[in-house]
C-alpha cells in the first residue's frame, strides 16, 4: 500500500504556499523517510543488526545519562 497525501488548494492561495504546506505534511507523515528506507532491498540479517546496534546506542546513552546524574 502506498500512502497518499493530498491538500486542497484554494484559488486565492499562492502555489508556493500550497507546495510548502504539502512538503510539511509529507515530512510529518514520514513518507519520504519510509520511501528511502524501502528504496533498496535490505537483507533480514542487516535489518536485525541495524536494530540491535540502535538498541545498544540507546542503552549506552541511557547509562551515560544516569551515571552523569549521580555525580
N, C-alpha and C. Protein backbone atom coordinates (compact mmCIF):
# COMPACT_ATOMS: atom_id res chain seq x y z
N UNK A 1 0.84 -1.18 0.00
CA UNK A 1 0.00 0.00 0.00
C UNK A 1 0.88 1.24 0.00
N UNK A 2 0.59 2.15 -0.87
CA UNK A 2 1.33 3.39 -0.97
C UNK A 2 0.53 4.48 -0.26
N UNK A 3 1.13 5.09 0.76
CA UNK A 3 0.40 6.17 1.43
C UNK A 3 0.30 7.38 0.52
N UNK A 4 -0.87 7.96 0.46
CA UNK A 4 -1.06 9.14 -0.38
C UNK A 4 -1.43 10.32 0.50
N UNK A 5 -0.90 11.45 0.16
CA UNK A 5 -1.21 12.69 0.85
C UNK A 5 -1.70 13.67 -0.18
N UNK A 6 -2.69 14.42 0.21
CA UNK A 6 -3.18 15.42 -0.69
C UNK A 6 -3.63 16.64 0.09
N UNK A 7 -3.57 17.76 -0.57
CA UNK A 7 -4.03 19.00 0.03
C UNK A 7 -5.02 19.64 -0.93
N UNK A 8 -5.86 20.48 -0.40
CA UNK A 8 -6.84 21.20 -1.22
C UNK A 8 -6.34 22.63 -1.35
N UNK A 9 -6.18 23.07 -2.56
CA UNK A 9 -5.65 24.40 -2.83
C UNK A 9 -6.80 25.31 -3.26
N UNK A 10 -6.93 26.42 -2.56
CA UNK A 10 -7.93 27.42 -2.94
C UNK A 10 -7.41 28.23 -4.12
N UNK A 11 -8.34 28.85 -4.85
CA UNK A 11 -7.94 29.67 -5.99
C UNK A 11 -7.13 30.89 -5.55
N UNK A 12 -7.40 31.38 -4.35
CA UNK A 12 -6.71 32.58 -3.88
C UNK A 12 -5.36 32.26 -3.22
N UNK A 13 -5.08 30.98 -2.97
CA UNK A 13 -3.83 30.61 -2.29
C UNK A 13 -2.68 30.51 -3.29
N UNK A 14 -1.54 31.12 -2.98
CA UNK A 14 -0.39 31.02 -3.88
C UNK A 14 0.12 29.57 -3.95
N UNK A 15 0.60 29.20 -5.11
CA UNK A 15 1.07 27.84 -5.34
C UNK A 15 2.26 27.50 -4.43
N UNK A 16 3.16 28.46 -4.22
CA UNK A 16 4.33 28.22 -3.39
C UNK A 16 3.93 27.86 -1.96
N UNK A 17 2.91 28.54 -1.46
CA UNK A 17 2.43 28.28 -0.10
C UNK A 17 1.81 26.88 -0.01
N UNK A 18 1.08 26.48 -1.04
CA UNK A 18 0.47 25.15 -1.07
C UNK A 18 1.54 24.06 -1.13
N UNK A 19 2.59 24.29 -1.92
CA UNK A 19 3.68 23.32 -2.01
C UNK A 19 4.38 23.18 -0.67
N UNK A 20 4.62 24.29 -0.01
CA UNK A 20 5.27 24.27 1.29
C UNK A 20 4.42 23.50 2.31
N UNK A 21 3.10 23.72 2.25
CA UNK A 21 2.18 23.02 3.15
C UNK A 21 2.20 21.51 2.87
N UNK A 22 2.25 21.15 1.58
CA UNK A 22 2.31 19.74 1.20
C UNK A 22 3.61 19.10 1.69
N UNK A 23 4.73 19.79 1.52
CA UNK A 23 6.02 19.26 1.97
C UNK A 23 6.02 19.02 3.48
N UNK A 24 5.46 19.97 4.23
CA UNK A 24 5.38 19.81 5.68
C UNK A 24 4.55 18.59 6.06
N UNK A 25 3.43 18.39 5.37
CA UNK A 25 2.55 17.27 5.67
C UNK A 25 3.24 15.95 5.35
N UNK A 26 3.93 15.89 4.22
CA UNK A 26 4.63 14.66 3.83
C UNK A 26 5.74 14.35 4.83
N UNK A 27 6.47 15.36 5.26
CA UNK A 27 7.54 15.17 6.24
C UNK A 27 6.97 14.70 7.57
N UNK A 28 5.87 15.28 7.98
CA UNK A 28 5.25 14.91 9.25
C UNK A 28 4.77 13.45 9.24
N UNK A 29 4.25 13.01 8.12
CA UNK A 29 3.76 11.63 8.00
C UNK A 29 4.89 10.64 7.80
N UNK A 30 6.10 11.10 7.49
CA UNK A 30 7.24 10.21 7.33
C UNK A 30 7.27 9.43 6.03
N UNK A 31 6.61 9.94 5.02
CA UNK A 31 6.52 9.23 3.75
C UNK A 31 7.88 9.16 3.06
N UNK A 32 8.61 10.26 3.05
CA UNK A 32 9.91 10.27 2.38
C UNK A 32 10.90 9.37 3.11
N UNK A 33 10.89 9.41 4.43
CA UNK A 33 11.77 8.55 5.22
C UNK A 33 11.49 7.08 4.94
N UNK A 34 10.21 6.74 4.87
CA UNK A 34 9.80 5.37 4.59
C UNK A 34 10.22 4.96 3.17
N UNK A 35 10.08 5.85 2.22
CA UNK A 35 10.46 5.56 0.85
C UNK A 35 11.96 5.31 0.74
N UNK A 36 12.76 6.14 1.41
CA UNK A 36 14.21 5.95 1.37
C UNK A 36 14.60 4.64 2.02
N UNK A 37 13.89 4.26 3.07
CA UNK A 37 14.19 3.01 3.75
C UNK A 37 13.89 1.81 2.85
N UNK A 38 12.86 1.91 2.04
CA UNK A 38 12.44 0.79 1.20
C UNK A 38 12.97 0.88 -0.24
N UNK A 39 13.78 1.87 -0.52
CA UNK A 39 14.26 2.08 -1.88
C UNK A 39 15.07 0.88 -2.38
N UNK A 40 15.90 0.31 -1.51
CA UNK A 40 16.72 -0.84 -1.87
C UNK A 40 16.41 -1.99 -0.94
N UNK A 41 16.57 -3.19 -1.45
CA UNK A 41 16.33 -4.37 -0.63
C UNK A 41 17.41 -4.47 0.44
N UNK A 42 16.97 -4.81 1.64
CA UNK A 42 17.89 -4.98 2.76
C UNK A 42 17.67 -6.37 3.33
N UNK A 43 18.74 -7.14 3.43
CA UNK A 43 18.62 -8.50 3.92
C UNK A 43 18.11 -8.48 5.36
N UNK A 44 17.32 -9.50 5.74
CA UNK A 44 16.81 -9.56 7.10
C UNK A 44 17.91 -9.53 8.16
N UNK A 45 19.05 -10.12 7.88
CA UNK A 45 20.15 -10.11 8.85
C UNK A 45 20.67 -8.69 9.05
N UNK A 46 20.71 -7.88 7.98
CA UNK A 46 21.16 -6.50 8.10
C UNK A 46 20.15 -5.66 8.90
N UNK A 47 18.88 -5.93 8.70
CA UNK A 47 17.85 -5.22 9.46
C UNK A 47 18.00 -5.54 10.94
N UNK A 48 18.22 -6.82 11.24
CA UNK A 48 18.38 -7.25 12.63
C UNK A 48 19.61 -6.59 13.26
N UNK A 49 20.72 -6.57 12.52
CA UNK A 49 21.95 -5.95 13.03
C UNK A 49 21.76 -4.45 13.27
N UNK A 50 21.09 -3.78 12.33
CA UNK A 50 20.87 -2.34 12.48
C UNK A 50 20.03 -2.03 13.71
N UNK A 51 18.97 -2.83 13.93
CA UNK A 51 18.12 -2.62 15.09
C UNK A 51 18.87 -2.90 16.38
N UNK A 52 19.71 -3.93 16.37
CA UNK A 52 20.49 -4.29 17.55
C UNK A 52 21.48 -3.17 17.90
N UNK A 53 22.14 -2.62 16.89
CA UNK A 53 23.08 -1.53 17.14
C UNK A 53 22.37 -0.29 17.66
N UNK A 54 21.18 -0.02 17.13
CA UNK A 54 20.41 1.14 17.60
C UNK A 54 20.02 0.95 19.06
N UNK A 55 19.65 -0.27 19.43
CA UNK A 55 19.29 -0.56 20.81
C UNK A 55 20.50 -0.39 21.72
N UNK A 56 21.67 -0.85 21.29
CA UNK A 56 22.89 -0.69 22.08
C UNK A 56 23.22 0.78 22.28
N UNK A 57 23.09 1.58 21.21
CA UNK A 57 23.36 3.02 21.33
C UNK A 57 22.40 3.66 22.33
N UNK A 58 21.14 3.26 22.26
CA UNK A 58 20.14 3.81 23.17
C UNK A 58 20.46 3.47 24.62
N UNK A 59 20.85 2.22 24.87
CA UNK A 59 21.18 1.80 26.23
C UNK A 59 22.44 2.50 26.74
N UNK A 60 23.44 2.66 25.86
CA UNK A 60 24.66 3.37 26.27
C UNK A 60 24.35 4.82 26.62
N UNK A 61 23.51 5.45 25.85
CA UNK A 61 23.13 6.84 26.12
C UNK A 61 22.39 6.93 27.45
N UNK A 62 21.52 5.97 27.69
CA UNK A 62 20.75 5.96 28.94
C UNK A 62 21.67 5.76 30.15
N UNK A 63 22.63 4.85 30.03
CA UNK A 63 23.55 4.62 31.14
C UNK A 63 24.45 5.83 31.37
N UNK A 64 24.87 6.48 30.30
CA UNK A 64 25.69 7.69 30.45
C UNK A 64 24.91 8.79 31.15
N UNK A 65 23.65 8.94 30.79
CA UNK A 65 22.83 9.97 31.42
C UNK A 65 22.63 9.68 32.90
N UNK A 66 22.33 8.43 33.23
CA UNK A 66 22.09 8.09 34.63
C UNK A 66 23.39 8.18 35.43
N UNK A 67 24.51 7.82 34.83
CA UNK A 67 25.80 7.90 35.52
C UNK A 67 26.18 9.36 35.75
N UNK A 68 25.96 10.21 34.77
CA UNK A 68 26.29 11.64 34.91
C UNK A 68 25.42 12.33 35.95
N UNK A 69 24.21 11.88 36.09
CA UNK A 69 23.30 12.49 37.04
C UNK A 69 23.62 12.16 38.49
N UNK A 70 24.33 11.05 38.75
CA UNK A 70 24.63 10.64 40.12
C UNK A 70 25.77 11.42 40.74
N UNK A 71 26.66 12.00 39.93
CA UNK A 71 27.79 12.70 40.48
C UNK A 71 27.46 14.10 40.87
